[in-house]
Amino acid sequence: MIELLIVIAAIVLVSVLLSTFSDKSGIPMLLIFIVFGILIGSSPIISAYTNFDFANKICSIALIFIMFYGGFGTSWRAAKPVAGKAIVLASFGVFFTAAITGVFVHFVLGFPIIESFLLGSVVGSTDAASVFSILRRRKLSLKDSTDSLLEMESGSNDPFSYILAIVCISLLKDGISPGRAFLMLFLQVSVGLAVGAAISLLLVFLIRKNIFFRGGGNEVFAIAIALLGYSLAEILGGNGYLSVYVIGIVLGNQNFESKRGLVSFFDGINMLAQILIFFTLGLLSNVMSIINVFPIALAIMLFMTFISRPASVFGLMAFMPNSSLQQKILVSWAGIRGAASIVFAIVAVSAVELQHDLFHIIFTIVLLSLGIQGGFMPMVAVKTNMYDPHGDVMKTFTDYQEEKNLQFVKTKICSEHPWIGKALKDVYLPNDIRVAIIVRGNEQFIPDGCTILELDDSLILSALYYKDELNGFSLRERTVKKGDQFEDKYIRDIRLNENESFIFIERDGEVIIPTGDVQIKSDDTIVINRMMPAENNSKNKGFIKKIKTFGIKSSKNK
């Protein structure tokens, strides 16, 4: 038992350290993990392991969290303009890629017809973890919102690949009719979406009522929600991965107090899930089987890279507005295969007997795809002139602000403001705040110390972002929606905890210091302060003094 724990700990530690090597070398992290898994599986440390049923259970659970994190990290604001394209590519794109690949495998490579389409379905989706890793670690910002397009497509197309694979498995296993197969396909999509939407609506309700994510059980609650979303959808005949992805998108795009902690937590869970999958896959694989299927896998990978994936992308995007030739080429190349394809192959191998070694064929295709498509993706982006050196790919992720060191706010010099007519060097500003830009009429300029501030000037201020509980404060910000417990209530009638107080309210661009006569309305943004122990009170008073310096005045009867 102790020896097993030591081996597991060593494998996880080495895998985490290998991610640093990936950053420096530019080799996709997942390719490094999978090669490491092969080495471990082929070493005398662990004997031969061929329990596909157990591996199926382990990898399926790990994939739940990978799918959830794929949705959780997707910024809907950035993805919304290309959501239509992404959904079409994630659904019809997978179908056509799988169908064209299946035709090739059957008529050229001689596989049985249903087994050919099963192979095409299993390998039809692109890998979200690979795409995320390349975009984020290589800081690969792309023009025309192509980074958001790839992120959403790769994050949402695994369920469609899985659905097609389940239909093909059912055809092999039970010989179901085409009508029943289409009904199964419809139920997988509709029930998966319905369960994900229902749980998401419940989550949004809890968040807006401010009765969600309190205490220290936030991470445990989120894990339970992901598992519940998957299980309910599967029980009702839907696709659990699709349900989990929808829940992840909705939760990841809400604002709540502990979101920053959840981002870090699920980032770690996601890496652990990937390590678990690739380690398990490494145990199942062996080098000789990879060598035996290498010619077939190489032929399929090349066919998908240069024919079936481009045919699907070009065919579908031909009907989409604002789709340039360069974008189509890059999206075609970015069809990288990954962990999900291998997991779906394990599902197939566990469910039915096949004439060919589907597991090692898919395994080898993924290796080749990660190495060739993943390794050369930055170069293709540059050659197609789709790389945007002035963009920031991090805007496509919900934890974008967590990775920035600066925050920018805008304030306006109104009448009777104490700064009117003064030089910038003569006004008091805290040491860590700077006036970055002044907007005066239609003119924007960078000020210096001699710049005179005028009425109606708009100042863009930059400052280091605050962290929770900084200098004795824990600041919580949220927007009041319809049905909120604070809606239409006066400050004097609201009972907060003893150590909590309202800092300010923002309404229609106006900042209000809340007194007892102020009434909170729908769409108000409120900031609540939670005071820390008494020894920090002097620091708190200093912070309040800085707020007053900016000339914010109390407003009554709002």
Protein backbone atom coordinates (compact mmCIF):
# COMPACT_ATOMS: atom_id res chain seq x y z
CA MET A 1 0.00 0.00 0.00
CA ILE A 2 2.74 2.48 0.97
CA GLU A 3 4.75 1.59 -2.13
CA LEU A 4 1.70 2.23 -4.34
CA LEU A 5 1.11 5.64 -2.78
CA ILE A 6 4.76 6.57 -3.33
CA VAL A 7 4.54 5.55 -7.00
CA ILE A 8 1.32 7.55 -7.50
CA ALA A 9 2.77 10.64 -5.81
CA ALA A 10 5.96 10.41 -7.88
CA ILE A 11 4.00 10.07 -11.14
CA VAL A 12 1.83 13.10 -10.37
CA LEU A 13 4.84 15.22 -9.32
CA VAL A 14 6.79 14.33 -12.46
CA SER A 15 3.73 15.09 -14.62
CA VAL A 16 3.36 18.54 -13.05
CA LEU A 17 7.06 19.26 -13.57
CA LEU A 18 6.74 18.18 -17.20
CA SER A 19 4.20 20.96 -17.77
CA THR A 20 7.02 23.45 -17.14
CA PHE A 21 9.10 21.72 -19.82
CA SER A 22 6.10 22.06 -22.16
CA ASP A 23 6.03 25.82 -21.59
CA LYS A 24 9.70 26.20 -22.49
CA SER A 25 9.85 23.74 -25.40
CA GLY A 26 6.54 24.57 -27.08
CA ILE A 27 5.63 20.85 -27.25
CA PRO A 28 1.92 20.37 -26.37
CA MET A 29 1.60 19.42 -22.72
CA LEU A 30 -0.79 16.57 -23.45
CA LEU A 31 1.70 14.95 -25.84
CA ILE A 32 4.33 15.00 -23.08
CA PHE A 33 1.85 13.48 -20.61
CA ILE A 34 0.83 10.73 -23.01
CA VAL A 35 4.44 9.76 -23.87
CA PHE A 36 5.20 9.69 -20.14
CA GLY A 37 2.21 7.39 -19.65
CA ILE A 38 3.50 5.02 -22.36
CA LEU A 39 6.91 4.87 -20.70
CA ILE A 40 5.38 4.09 -17.32
CA GLY A 41 3.02 1.51 -18.81
CA SER A 42 5.87 -0.21 -20.66
CA SER A 43 8.27 -0.16 -17.71
CA PRO A 44 8.81 -3.03 -15.26
CA ILE A 45 7.55 -0.77 -12.46
CA ILE A 46 3.95 -1.70 -13.33
CA SER A 47 2.96 -5.02 -14.82
CA ALA A 48 0.78 -5.37 -17.92
CA TYR A 49 -2.65 -3.84 -17.39
CA THR A 50 -5.55 -4.60 -19.73
CA ASN A 51 -8.69 -3.95 -17.66
CA PHE A 52 -10.58 -1.78 -20.15
CA ASP A 53 -13.79 -1.79 -18.09
CA PHE A 54 -12.09 -0.30 -15.04
CA ALA A 55 -10.15 2.16 -17.21
CA ASN A 56 -13.43 3.19 -18.84
CA LYS A 57 -14.92 4.10 -15.44
CA ILE A 58 -11.82 6.03 -14.32
CA CYS A 59 -11.44 7.99 -17.57
CA SER A 60 -15.17 8.74 -17.87
CA ILE A 61 -15.22 10.32 -14.41
CA ALA A 62 -12.07 12.33 -15.15
CA LEU A 63 -13.60 13.50 -18.45
CA ILE A 64 -16.60 14.91 -16.55
CA PHE A 65 -14.33 17.46 -14.88
CA ILE A 66 -12.42 18.22 -18.08
CA MET A 67 -15.74 18.96 -19.83
CA PHE A 68 -17.00 21.02 -16.88
CA TYR A 69 -13.81 23.08 -16.76
CA GLY A 70 -13.96 23.59 -20.53
CA GLY A 71 -17.32 25.27 -20.08
CA PHE A 72 -16.39 27.01 -16.83
CA GLY A 73 -13.40 28.71 -18.45
CA THR A 74 -15.31 29.93 -21.52
CA SER A 75 -16.07 33.65 -21.54
CA TRP A 76 -19.52 33.97 -23.10
CA ARG A 77 -18.96 37.67 -23.75
CA ALA A 78 -15.97 36.87 -25.97
CA ALA A 79 -17.55 33.76 -27.50
CA LYS A 80 -21.02 35.18 -28.22
CA PRO A 81 -20.13 36.81 -31.59
CA VAL A 82 -18.87 33.46 -32.92
CA ALA A 83 -21.20 31.15 -30.98
CA GLY A 84 -23.26 30.34 -34.07
CA LYS A 85 -20.20 29.28 -36.06
CA ALA A 86 -18.85 27.26 -33.13
CA ILE A 87 -22.09 25.36 -32.53
CA VAL A 88 -22.44 24.48 -36.24
CA LEU A 89 -18.84 23.24 -36.39
CA ALA A 90 -19.21 21.37 -33.09
CA SER A 91 -22.31 19.48 -34.28
CA PHE A 92 -22.54 19.23 -38.07
CA GLY A 93 -18.76 19.57 -38.36
CA VAL A 94 -18.24 16.46 -36.22
CA PHE A 95 -20.93 14.57 -38.15
CA PHE A 96 -19.48 15.32 -41.59
CA THR A 97 -15.88 14.72 -40.44
CA ALA A 98 -16.88 11.36 -38.96
CA ALA A 99 -18.90 10.38 -42.06
CA ILE A 100 -16.18 11.30 -44.56
CA THR A 101 -13.53 9.56 -42.44
CA GLY A 102 -15.74 6.47 -42.12
CA VAL A 103 -16.14 6.26 -45.90
CA PHE A 104 -12.34 6.41 -46.31
CA VAL A 105 -11.71 3.77 -43.64
CA HIS A 106 -14.28 1.40 -45.17
CA PHE A 107 -13.54 1.73 -48.90
CA VAL A 108 -9.78 2.37 -48.77
CA LEU A 109 -8.61 0.53 -45.64
CA GLY A 110 -11.19 -2.25 -45.83
CA PHE A 111 -12.76 -1.98 -42.35
CA PRO A 112 -16.36 -3.24 -41.84
CA ILE A 113 -18.90 -0.48 -42.57
CA ILE A 114 -20.26 0.13 -39.03
CA GLU A 115 -16.81 -0.26 -37.46
CA SER A 116 -15.51 2.31 -39.95
CA PHE A 117 -18.13 4.87 -38.93
CA LEU A 118 -17.51 4.05 -35.26
CA LEU A 119 -13.83 4.89 -35.76
CA GLY A 120 -14.77 8.13 -37.54
CA SER A 121 -17.19 9.06 -34.75
CA VAL A 122 -14.71 8.35 -31.97
CA VAL A 123 -12.02 10.50 -33.55
CA GLY A 124 -14.37 13.12 -35.00
CA SER A 125 -14.05 15.76 -32.28
CA THR A 126 -11.22 18.16 -31.55
CA ASP A 127 -9.58 18.25 -28.14
CA ALA A 128 -10.42 21.20 -25.90
CA ALA A 129 -7.54 20.66 -23.49
CA SER A 130 -5.01 20.66 -26.36
CA VAL A 131 -6.46 23.81 -27.94
CA PHE A 132 -6.67 25.61 -24.58
CA SER A 133 -3.11 24.62 -23.77
CA ILE A 134 -1.71 25.89 -27.07
CA LEU A 135 -3.68 29.16 -27.02
CA ARG A 136 -2.88 30.01 -23.41
CA ARG A 137 0.66 28.75 -23.02
CA ARG A 138 1.85 30.15 -26.35
CA LYS A 139 -0.18 33.39 -25.88
CA LEU A 140 -1.59 32.73 -29.36
CA SER A 141 -4.09 35.54 -29.96
CA LEU A 142 -5.91 35.20 -33.31
CA LYS A 143 -7.70 37.68 -35.54
CA ASP A 144 -11.46 37.78 -36.20
CA SER A 145 -12.22 36.16 -32.81
CA THR A 146 -10.83 32.89 -34.15
CA ASP A 147 -9.35 32.03 -30.74
CA SER A 148 -12.84 32.24 -29.18
CA LEU A 149 -14.24 30.21 -32.08
CA LEU A 150 -11.70 27.42 -31.59
CA GLU A 151 -12.14 27.46 -27.84
CA MET A 152 -15.92 27.10 -27.96
CA GLU A 153 -15.92 24.58 -30.82
CA SER A 154 -13.35 22.32 -29.18
CA GLY A 155 -15.04 22.63 -25.80
CA SER A 156 -18.50 21.68 -27.07
CA ASN A 157 -17.91 19.07 -29.78
CA ASP A 158 -16.87 16.11 -27.60
CA PRO A 159 -20.49 15.35 -26.61
CA PHE A 160 -21.52 15.15 -30.27
CA SER A 161 -18.66 12.76 -31.02
CA TYR A 162 -19.68 10.64 -28.04
CA ILE A 163 -23.32 10.60 -29.16
CA LEU A 164 -22.37 9.35 -32.64
CA ALA A 165 -20.11 6.71 -31.07
CA ILE A 166 -22.94 5.48 -28.82
CA VAL A 167 -25.26 5.17 -31.83
CA CYS A 168 -22.63 3.17 -33.75
CA ILE A 169 -22.02 0.93 -30.72
CA SER A 170 -25.77 0.31 -30.45
CA LEU A 171 -25.90 -0.61 -34.16
CA LEU A 172 -23.07 -3.12 -33.65
CA LYS A 173 -24.45 -4.45 -30.39
CA ASP A 174 -28.22 -4.59 -30.88
CA GLY A 175 -28.72 -4.03 -34.58
CA ILE A 176 -31.19 -1.18 -33.97
CA SER A 177 -33.12 0.34 -36.84
CA PRO A 178 -32.11 3.69 -38.40
CA GLY A 179 -35.27 5.27 -36.97
CA ARG A 180 -34.37 4.22 -33.44
CA ALA A 181 -30.81 5.41 -33.99
CA PHE A 182 -32.03 8.88 -34.94
CA LEU A 183 -34.36 8.89 -31.91
CA MET A 184 -31.42 8.01 -29.68
CA LEU A 185 -29.41 10.82 -31.27
CA PHE A 186 -32.26 13.30 -30.65
CA LEU A 187 -32.69 12.23 -27.02
CA GLN A 188 -28.97 12.42 -26.32
CA VAL A 189 -28.86 16.06 -27.44
CA SER A 190 -32.23 17.31 -26.20
CA VAL A 191 -32.17 15.64 -22.78
CA GLY A 192 -28.53 16.62 -22.22
CA LEU A 193 -29.32 20.26 -23.01
CA ALA A 194 -32.52 20.20 -20.93
CA VAL A 195 -30.86 18.80 -17.80
CA GLY A 196 -27.93 21.19 -18.11
CA ALA A 197 -30.29 24.15 -18.58
CA ALA A 198 -32.50 23.14 -15.61
CA ILE A 199 -29.59 22.80 -13.20
CA SER A 200 -28.08 26.03 -14.53
CA LEU A 201 -31.33 27.93 -13.88
CA LEU A 202 -31.32 26.64 -10.31
CA LEU A 203 -27.70 27.77 -9.85
CA VAL A 204 -28.46 31.26 -11.21
CA PHE A 205 -31.45 31.53 -8.85
CA LEU A 206 -29.29 30.60 -5.85
CA ILE A 207 -26.55 33.04 -6.84
CA ARG A 208 -28.97 35.96 -7.30
CA LYS A 209 -30.60 35.20 -3.95
CA ASN A 210 -27.14 35.39 -2.41
CA ILE A 211 -27.56 32.00 -0.76
CA PHE A 212 -24.98 30.21 -2.83
CA PHE A 213 -21.26 29.67 -2.27
CA ARG A 214 -20.95 30.53 1.37
CA GLY A 215 -18.54 29.00 3.82
CA GLY A 216 -15.74 26.64 2.92
CA GLY A 217 -17.67 24.06 0.91
CA ASN A 218 -17.74 25.90 -2.41
CA GLU A 219 -15.45 23.48 -4.24
CA VAL A 220 -17.26 20.43 -2.86
CA PHE A 221 -20.61 21.91 -3.93
CA ALA A 222 -19.35 22.58 -7.48
CA ILE A 223 -18.01 19.02 -7.77
CA ALA A 224 -21.38 17.65 -6.65
CA ILE A 225 -23.19 19.83 -9.21
CA ALA A 226 -20.96 18.53 -12.03
CA LEU A 227 -21.50 14.90 -11.01
CA LEU A 228 -25.25 15.45 -10.59
CA GLY A 229 -25.57 17.09 -14.01
CA TYR A 230 -23.80 14.18 -15.68
CA SER A 231 -25.66 11.44 -13.80
CA LEU A 232 -29.18 12.87 -14.24
CA ALA A 233 -28.70 13.32 -17.98
CA GLU A 234 -27.39 9.76 -18.38
CA ILE A 235 -30.25 8.26 -16.34
CA LEU A 236 -32.82 10.10 -18.46
CA GLY A 237 -31.23 8.94 -21.72
CA GLY A 238 -29.34 12.15 -22.49
CA ASN A 239 -25.69 13.00 -22.93
CA GLY A 240 -24.05 13.71 -19.58
CA TYR A 241 -21.02 15.46 -21.04
CA LEU A 242 -23.21 17.95 -22.90
CA SER A 243 -25.14 18.65 -19.70
CA VAL A 244 -21.95 19.21 -17.72
CA TYR A 245 -20.55 21.53 -20.39
CA VAL A 246 -23.70 23.69 -20.32
CA ILE A 247 -23.59 23.91 -16.51
CA GLY A 248 -19.92 24.89 -16.67
CA ILE A 249 -20.58 27.73 -19.15
CA VAL A 250 -23.44 29.18 -17.10
CA LEU A 251 -21.62 28.93 -13.75
CA GLY A 252 -18.35 30.25 -15.16
CA ASN A 253 -20.05 33.39 -16.49
CA GLN A 254 -21.76 34.34 -13.21
CA ASN A 255 -20.28 36.74 -10.67
CA PHE A 256 -20.06 35.49 -7.11
CA GLU A 257 -17.76 35.90 -4.15
CA SER A 258 -15.69 32.72 -4.35
CA LYS A 259 -15.27 32.49 -8.12
CA ARG A 260 -11.55 33.29 -8.02
CA GLY A 261 -10.94 30.36 -5.70
CA LEU A 262 -12.99 28.02 -7.90
CA VAL A 263 -10.98 28.99 -10.98
CA SER A 264 -7.73 27.99 -9.25
CA PHE A 265 -9.30 24.87 -7.76
CA PHE A 266 -10.70 23.52 -11.04
CA ASP A 267 -7.50 24.43 -12.87
CA GLY A 268 -5.75 21.99 -10.56
CA ILE A 269 -8.55 19.40 -10.85
CA ASN A 270 -8.36 19.68 -14.64
CA MET A 271 -4.62 18.98 -14.65
CA LEU A 272 -5.07 16.06 -12.25
CA ALA A 273 -7.83 14.62 -14.46
CA GLN A 274 -5.57 14.84 -17.53
CA ILE A 275 -2.72 13.16 -15.67
CA LEU A 276 -5.10 10.41 -14.51
CA ILE A 277 -6.42 9.82 -18.03
CA PHE A 278 -3.04 9.72 -19.73
CA PHE A 279 -1.50 7.58 -17.04
CA THR A 280 -4.37 5.10 -17.37
CA LEU A 281 -4.08 5.16 -21.16
CA GLY A 282 -0.34 4.58 -20.87
CA LEU A 283 -1.01 1.47 -18.79
CA LEU A 284 -3.33 0.10 -21.47
CA SER A 285 -0.97 0.74 -24.38
CA ASN A 286 2.18 -1.03 -25.47
CA VAL A 287 4.84 -0.02 -27.94
CA MET A 288 4.56 -3.09 -30.19
CA SER A 289 0.83 -2.58 -30.75
CA ILE A 290 1.47 1.07 -31.63
CA ILE A 291 4.10 0.00 -34.18
CA ASN A 292 1.73 -2.57 -35.71
CA VAL A 293 -1.09 -0.06 -36.29
CA PHE A 294 1.16 2.89 -37.16
CA PRO A 295 0.65 2.77 -40.99
CA ILE A 296 -3.16 2.66 -40.63
CA ALA A 297 -3.17 5.40 -37.97
CA LEU A 298 -0.88 7.63 -40.05
CA ALA A 299 -3.09 7.23 -43.13
CA ILE A 300 -6.23 8.13 -41.18
CA MET A 301 -4.57 11.07 -39.44
CA LEU A 302 -3.28 12.52 -42.72
CA PHE A 303 -6.67 11.99 -44.40
CA MET A 304 -8.45 13.79 -41.57
CA THR A 305 -5.91 16.64 -41.47
CA PHE A 306 -5.92 17.37 -45.21
CA ILE A 307 -9.28 16.09 -46.47
CA SER A 308 -12.16 15.24 -44.08
CA ARG A 309 -11.67 18.06 -41.55
CA PRO A 310 -11.00 20.75 -44.22
CA ALA A 311 -13.93 19.50 -46.32
CA SER A 312 -16.27 19.84 -43.33
CA VAL A 313 -14.91 23.23 -42.26
CA PHE A 314 -14.83 24.78 -45.75
CA GLY A 315 -18.24 23.33 -46.62
CA LEU A 316 -19.96 24.66 -43.48
CA MET A 317 -18.13 27.99 -43.22
CA ALA A 318 -18.90 28.76 -46.88
CA PHE A 319 -22.41 29.70 -45.67
CA MET A 320 -21.16 31.76 -42.72
CA PRO A 321 -20.57 35.53 -43.02
CA ASN A 322 -17.16 37.05 -42.32
CA SER A 323 -15.28 33.79 -42.84
CA SER A 324 -12.03 34.46 -44.67
CA LEU A 325 -9.96 31.86 -46.50
CA GLN A 326 -7.19 32.29 -43.91
CA GLN A 327 -9.60 31.63 -41.04
CA LYS A 328 -10.92 28.48 -42.73
CA ILE A 329 -7.37 27.15 -43.22
CA LEU A 330 -6.43 27.76 -39.59
CA VAL A 331 -9.68 26.29 -38.21
CA SER A 332 -9.14 23.23 -40.41
CA TRP A 333 -5.61 22.75 -39.12
CA ALA A 334 -6.71 23.21 -35.49
CA GLY A 335 -8.71 19.96 -35.54
CA ILE A 336 -6.38 18.42 -32.95
CA ARG A 337 -7.36 15.03 -31.51
CA GLY A 338 -6.86 14.30 -27.83
CA ALA A 339 -7.88 12.54 -24.63
CA ALA A 340 -11.62 12.40 -25.31
CA SER A 341 -11.10 10.37 -28.50
CA ILE A 342 -9.06 7.75 -26.63
CA VAL A 343 -11.62 7.60 -23.81
CA PHE A 344 -14.41 7.07 -26.34
CA ALA A 345 -12.31 4.32 -27.92
CA ILE A 346 -12.12 2.62 -24.51
CA VAL A 347 -15.92 2.87 -24.24
CA ALA A 348 -16.24 1.16 -27.62
CA VAL A 349 -13.71 -1.58 -26.84
CA SER A 350 -15.44 -2.26 -23.50
CA ALA A 351 -18.88 -2.51 -25.11
CA VAL A 352 -18.39 -4.59 -28.29
CA GLU A 353 -15.91 -6.93 -29.95
CA LEU A 354 -14.19 -5.37 -32.97
CA GLN A 355 -12.14 -6.84 -35.80
CA HIS A 356 -9.39 -4.24 -35.49
CA ASP A 357 -7.38 -2.81 -32.61
CA LEU A 358 -9.44 0.38 -32.34
CA PHE A 359 -7.83 1.49 -29.09
CA HIS A 360 -4.24 1.57 -30.38
CA ILE A 361 -5.31 3.03 -33.75
CA ILE A 362 -7.00 5.98 -32.01
CA PHE A 363 -4.15 6.21 -29.51
CA THR A 364 -1.60 6.55 -32.33
CA ILE A 365 -3.76 9.03 -34.25
CA VAL A 366 -3.86 11.23 -31.14
CA LEU A 367 -0.08 11.02 -30.74
CA LEU A 368 0.46 12.06 -34.35
CA SER A 369 -2.17 14.80 -34.20
CA LEU A 370 -0.77 16.35 -31.02
CA GLY A 371 2.77 16.25 -32.37
CA ILE A 372 2.12 17.50 -35.91
CA GLN A 373 -1.02 19.66 -35.75
CA GLY A 374 -0.43 20.89 -32.22
CA GLY A 375 3.28 21.49 -32.70
CA PHE A 376 2.86 23.45 -35.95
CA MET A 377 -0.31 25.35 -35.07
CA PRO A 378 1.54 28.58 -34.05
CA MET A 379 3.47 28.50 -37.35
CA VAL A 380 0.26 27.97 -39.36
CA ALA A 381 -1.31 30.93 -37.54
CA VAL A 382 1.62 33.14 -38.56
CA LYS A 383 1.77 31.86 -42.16
CA THR A 384 -1.95 32.45 -42.69
CA ASN A 385 -1.60 35.95 -41.21
CA MET A 386 -4.17 35.07 -38.54
CA TYR A 387 -1.85 35.74 -35.59
CA ASP A 388 -2.67 39.01 -33.82
CA PRO A 389 0.48 40.25 -32.02
CA HIS A 390 -1.46 43.12 -30.43
CA GLY A 391 -4.34 40.97 -29.13
CA ASP A 392 -4.73 39.19 -25.83
CA VAL A 393 -5.96 35.60 -26.01
CA MET A 394 -6.69 35.63 -22.28
CA LYS A 395 -9.85 37.67 -22.95
CA THR A 396 -11.50 34.47 -24.17
CA PHE A 397 -11.37 32.92 -20.70
CA THR A 398 -13.52 33.74 -17.67
CA ASP A 399 -10.45 34.02 -15.43
CA TYR A 400 -8.99 36.72 -17.70
CA GLN A 401 -8.97 39.42 -15.00
CA GLU A 402 -7.27 37.08 -12.57
CA GLU A 403 -4.16 37.11 -14.76
CA LYS A 404 -3.79 40.87 -15.00
CA ASN A 405 -1.81 43.00 -12.58
CA LEU A 406 -3.62 46.27 -13.34
CA GLN A 407 -7.19 47.48 -13.18
CA PHE A 408 -8.47 50.53 -15.06
CA VAL A 409 -11.38 52.70 -13.90
CA LYS A 410 -12.96 55.80 -15.39
CA THR A 411 -14.07 58.89 -13.46
CA LYS A 412 -15.35 62.29 -14.58
CA ILE A 413 -14.55 65.80 -13.30
CA CYS A 414 -17.99 67.22 -12.52
CA SER A 415 -18.97 70.72 -11.39
CA GLU A 416 -17.64 71.82 -7.97
CA HIS A 417 -15.00 69.09 -8.11
CA PRO A 418 -11.95 70.20 -6.04
CA TRP A 419 -9.53 69.26 -8.87
CA ILE A 420 -10.91 71.74 -11.45
CA GLY A 421 -8.22 74.22 -12.51
CA LYS A 422 -5.43 72.37 -10.72
CA ALA A 423 -2.31 70.88 -12.26
CA LEU A 424 -2.14 67.10 -12.06
CA LYS A 425 1.02 67.33 -9.94
CA ASP A 426 -0.87 69.36 -7.31
CA VAL A 427 -3.73 66.95 -6.67
CA TYR A 428 -3.48 64.15 -4.16
CA LEU A 429 -3.33 60.64 -5.55
CA PRO A 430 -2.31 57.52 -3.62
CA ASN A 431 1.15 56.23 -4.56
CA ASP A 432 -0.18 53.21 -6.45
CA ILE A 433 -2.69 55.12 -8.65
CA ARG A 434 -1.85 56.94 -11.88
CA VAL A 435 -3.85 58.98 -14.39
CA ALA A 436 -3.15 56.98 -17.54
CA ILE A 437 -5.28 58.92 -20.07
CA ILE A 438 -7.41 62.06 -20.12
CA VAL A 439 -10.40 62.26 -22.48
CA ARG A 440 -11.34 65.90 -23.22
CA GLY A 441 -14.11 66.31 -25.77
CA ASN A 442 -13.07 64.28 -28.82
CA GLU A 443 -9.40 64.36 -27.80
CA GLN A 444 -7.48 61.69 -25.89
CA PHE A 445 -3.98 62.32 -24.54
CA ILE A 446 -1.47 61.14 -21.96
CA PRO A 447 -1.08 63.83 -19.28
CA ASP A 448 2.03 65.00 -17.48
CA GLY A 449 2.41 66.78 -14.15
CA CYS A 450 1.70 70.21 -15.68
CA THR A 451 -1.61 69.20 -17.28
CA ILE A 452 -4.45 71.39 -15.96
CA LEU A 453 -7.62 69.49 -15.16
CA GLU A 454 -10.83 70.96 -16.58
CA LEU A 455 -14.58 70.55 -16.10
CA ASP A 456 -16.00 67.44 -17.87
CA ASP A 457 -12.57 65.83 -18.25
CA SER A 458 -12.78 62.03 -18.10
CA LEU A 459 -9.82 60.42 -16.30
CA ILE A 460 -8.72 56.85 -16.90
CA LEU A 461 -7.04 55.73 -13.67
CA SER A 462 -4.77 52.67 -13.36
CA ALA A 463 -4.07 50.82 -10.13
CA LEU A 464 -2.99 47.45 -8.85
CA TYR A 465 -6.00 45.20 -8.35
CA TYR A 466 -6.99 44.52 -4.78
CA LYS A 467 -7.07 41.02 -3.35
CA ASP A 468 -9.68 39.65 -0.98
CA GLU A 469 -9.02 40.61 2.65
CA LEU A 470 -6.36 43.14 1.63
CA ASN A 471 -5.60 45.52 4.53
CA GLY A 472 -8.44 44.18 6.62
CA PHE A 473 -11.09 44.23 3.90
CA SER A 474 -13.02 41.54 2.11
CA LEU A 475 -14.93 43.37 -0.64
CA ARG A 476 -17.90 41.70 -2.33
CA GLU A 477 -19.53 43.15 -5.46
CA ARG A 478 -22.70 42.01 -7.19
CA THR A 479 -25.54 43.32 -9.33
CA VAL A 480 -29.07 43.32 -7.92
CA LYS A 481 -31.48 41.51 -10.24
CA LYS A 482 -35.26 41.10 -10.28
CA GLY A 483 -36.39 39.10 -7.25
CA ASP A 484 -33.16 39.77 -5.30
CA GLN A 485 -33.56 39.87 -1.52
CA PHE A 486 -32.26 43.49 -1.51
CA GLU A 487 -34.50 44.81 -4.31
CA ASP A 488 -36.65 47.87 -3.35
CA LYS A 489 -35.43 47.78 0.26
CA TYR A 490 -34.04 50.79 2.13
CA ILE A 491 -30.57 50.52 3.62
CA ARG A 492 -32.00 51.08 7.12
CA ASP A 493 -34.22 48.01 6.74
CA ILE A 494 -31.46 45.62 5.64
CA ARG A 495 -29.79 43.50 8.30
CA LEU A 496 -26.28 42.45 7.34
CA ASN A 497 -23.91 40.50 9.54
CA GLU A 498 -22.37 42.44 12.41
CA ASN A 499 -19.03 42.85 10.64
CA GLU A 500 -20.51 43.81 7.23
CA SER A 501 -21.51 47.17 5.76
CA PHE A 502 -22.39 48.74 2.42
CA ILE A 503 -19.46 50.64 0.86
CA PHE A 504 -21.19 52.19 -2.14
CA ILE A 505 -23.86 51.69 -4.78
CA GLU A 506 -23.42 52.35 -8.50
CA ARG A 507 -26.57 53.28 -10.42
CA ASP A 508 -26.61 54.38 -14.05
CA GLY A 509 -22.97 55.47 -13.84
CA GLU A 510 -23.48 57.43 -10.60
CA VAL A 511 -21.74 56.44 -7.38
CA ILE A 512 -23.92 56.68 -4.26
CA ILE A 513 -22.65 56.50 -0.70
CA PRO A 514 -25.50 54.60 0.98
CA THR A 515 -27.31 56.22 3.91
CA GLY A 516 -30.39 54.85 5.64
CA ASP A 517 -32.68 56.70 3.23
CA VAL A 518 -31.19 55.13 0.09
CA GLN A 519 -33.40 52.53 -1.59
CA ILE A 520 -31.73 49.72 -3.53
CA LYS A 521 -33.18 49.16 -6.99
CA SER A 522 -32.94 46.50 -9.68
CA ASP A 523 -29.69 46.65 -11.72
CA ASP A 524 -27.86 48.52 -8.93
CA THR A 525 -24.29 47.36 -8.38
CA ILE A 526 -23.60 47.09 -4.65
CA VAL A 527 -20.26 46.66 -2.87
CA ILE A 528 -20.30 45.16 0.62
CA ASN A 529 -17.31 45.24 2.96
CA ARG A 530 -16.63 42.53 5.49
CA MET A 531 -14.46 43.96 8.28
CA MET A 532 -11.56 41.94 9.60
CA PRO A 533 -10.39 41.87 13.27
CA ALA A 534 -10.18 45.11 15.26
CA GLU A 535 -6.42 45.49 14.88
CA ASN A 536 -6.96 46.27 11.20
CA ASN A 537 -9.45 49.10 11.83
CA SER A 538 -6.87 51.84 11.37
CA LYS A 539 -6.10 50.52 7.89
CA ASN A 540 -9.81 50.41 7.09
CA LYS A 541 -10.18 54.07 8.08
CA GLY A 542 -7.27 54.91 5.80
CA PHE A 543 -9.03 53.24 2.90
CA ILE A 544 -12.26 55.17 3.58
CA LYS A 545 -10.21 58.38 3.70
CA LYS A 546 -8.86 57.63 0.21
CA ILE A 547 -12.40 57.14 -1.10
CA LYS A 548 -13.43 60.56 0.27
CA THR A 549 -10.42 62.15 -1.41
CA PHE A 550 -12.00 61.42 -4.79
CA GLY A 551 -14.93 63.70 -4.00
CA ILE A 552 -17.64 61.03 -3.78
CA LYS A 553 -20.61 62.55 -1.96
CA SER A 554 -23.51 61.03 -0.09
CA SER A 555 -26.83 60.95 -1.95
CA LYS A 556 -30.17 60.73 -0.18
CA ASN A 557 -33.65 59.61 -1.18
CA LYS A 558 -32.39 57.70 -4.19
